[in-house]
Amino acid sequence: MSSSITVNYTVSCTAVPGSQYSTLPASVIIAANQTSTNLLVQPTGAVTTAQTVVLTLGGSTNYYLGAYSQATVTLLPGSSLTNSVPSI
């Protein structure tokens, strides 16, 4: 890619945004000459049982969705940031 692109996605989850994890932006930008980016799903510490956050990429005429257009993060009590960064 010679220029950056904006990738939209939807979020479905059992975790509560803003309470059990930091609220996510509505889209991410993939920089020029890159093929992916990371989106931090940051637990807030209010997770008492396993909760999921599912990100599903939205289609566009500006990019092609491959076989993996969805990522699931499971927040566990005591979750750390190291296992909460899906690549988009």
Protein backbone atom coordinates (compact mmCIF):
# COMPACT_ATOMS: atom_id res chain seq x y z
CA MET A 1 0.00 0.00 0.00
CA SER A 2 1.42 3.33 -0.96
CA SER A 3 -0.93 5.27 1.32
CA SER A 4 -2.56 4.66 4.68
CA ILE A 5 -6.05 3.16 4.89
CA THR A 6 -8.78 3.30 7.49
CA VAL A 7 -10.22 -0.07 8.49
CA ASN A 8 -13.63 -0.17 10.16
CA TYR A 9 -14.70 -2.99 12.44
CA THR A 10 -17.52 -4.00 14.73
CA VAL A 11 -17.24 -5.18 18.31
CA SER A 12 -19.38 -7.83 19.93
CA CYS A 13 -18.60 -8.94 23.42
CA THR A 14 -19.59 -10.29 26.77
CA ALA A 15 -17.25 -7.78 28.44
CA VAL A 16 -18.56 -4.28 29.18
CA PRO A 17 -16.72 -1.54 27.23
CA GLY A 18 -15.56 1.30 29.43
CA SER A 19 -15.99 -0.85 32.52
CA GLN A 20 -14.14 -4.12 31.96
CA TYR A 21 -11.92 -2.90 29.12
CA SER A 22 -11.03 0.49 27.68
CA THR A 23 -13.45 1.72 25.02
CA LEU A 24 -12.12 1.11 21.50
CA PRO A 25 -12.13 3.57 18.58
CA ALA A 26 -14.55 2.91 15.69
CA SER A 27 -11.70 2.26 13.25
CA VAL A 28 -7.94 1.82 12.96
CA ILE A 29 -5.48 3.24 10.47
CA ILE A 30 -2.95 0.98 8.76
CA ALA A 31 0.07 3.07 7.81
CA ALA A 32 1.42 3.25 4.28
CA ASN A 33 3.63 0.30 3.30
CA GLN A 34 2.29 -1.80 6.21
CA THR A 35 -0.04 -4.82 6.04
CA SER A 36 -1.37 -4.81 9.61
CA THR A 37 -1.62 -2.88 12.84
CA ASN A 38 -2.28 -3.71 16.48
CA LEU A 39 -5.33 -2.70 18.45
CA LEU A 40 -4.92 -2.74 22.22
CA VAL A 41 -7.80 -4.29 24.15
CA GLN A 42 -6.86 -3.09 27.62
CA PRO A 43 -8.49 -4.72 30.66
CA THR A 44 -9.44 -2.26 33.39
CA GLY A 45 -9.08 -4.66 36.27
CA ALA A 46 -12.84 -5.02 36.76
CA VAL A 47 -12.89 -8.48 35.16
CA THR A 48 -14.12 -11.06 37.69
CA THR A 49 -14.97 -13.90 35.27
CA ALA A 50 -13.75 -14.70 31.75
CA GLN A 51 -15.18 -12.21 29.23
CA THR A 52 -14.71 -11.99 25.46
CA VAL A 53 -14.22 -9.12 23.02
CA VAL A 54 -14.74 -10.07 19.36
CA LEU A 55 -13.55 -7.72 16.60
CA THR A 56 -14.92 -8.30 13.10
CA LEU A 57 -13.42 -6.35 10.22
CA GLY A 58 -15.80 -4.51 7.93
CA GLY A 59 -15.44 -4.82 4.18
CA SER A 60 -14.42 -1.98 1.90
CA THR A 61 -13.53 -1.32 -1.71
CA ASN A 62 -10.19 0.02 -0.40
CA TYR A 63 -8.89 -3.31 0.91
CA TYR A 64 -9.33 -7.07 0.67
CA LEU A 65 -10.41 -9.17 3.65
CA GLY A 66 -8.55 -12.44 3.82
CA ALA A 67 -9.58 -15.65 5.54
CA TYR A 68 -8.99 -14.15 9.00
CA SER A 69 -11.30 -11.17 9.37
CA GLN A 70 -12.18 -11.73 13.02
CA ALA A 71 -10.19 -11.76 16.25
CA THR A 72 -11.30 -12.81 19.73
CA VAL A 73 -9.67 -11.65 22.93
CA THR A 74 -10.56 -13.35 26.20
CA LEU A 75 -10.18 -11.19 29.27
CA LEU A 76 -9.44 -13.21 32.39
CA PRO A 77 -9.35 -12.07 35.99
CA GLY A 78 -5.87 -10.62 36.40
CA SER A 79 -5.42 -10.27 32.60
CA SER A 80 -2.23 -8.61 31.48
CA LEU A 81 -1.71 -6.45 28.43
CA THR A 82 0.61 -9.01 26.83
CA ASN A 83 -2.24 -11.33 25.76
CA SER A 84 -4.70 -8.62 24.77
CA VAL A 85 -3.34 -7.25 21.49
CA PRO A 86 -4.95 -8.69 18.36
CA SER A 87 -3.34 -7.84 15.06
CA ILE A 88 -5.65 -6.34 12.43
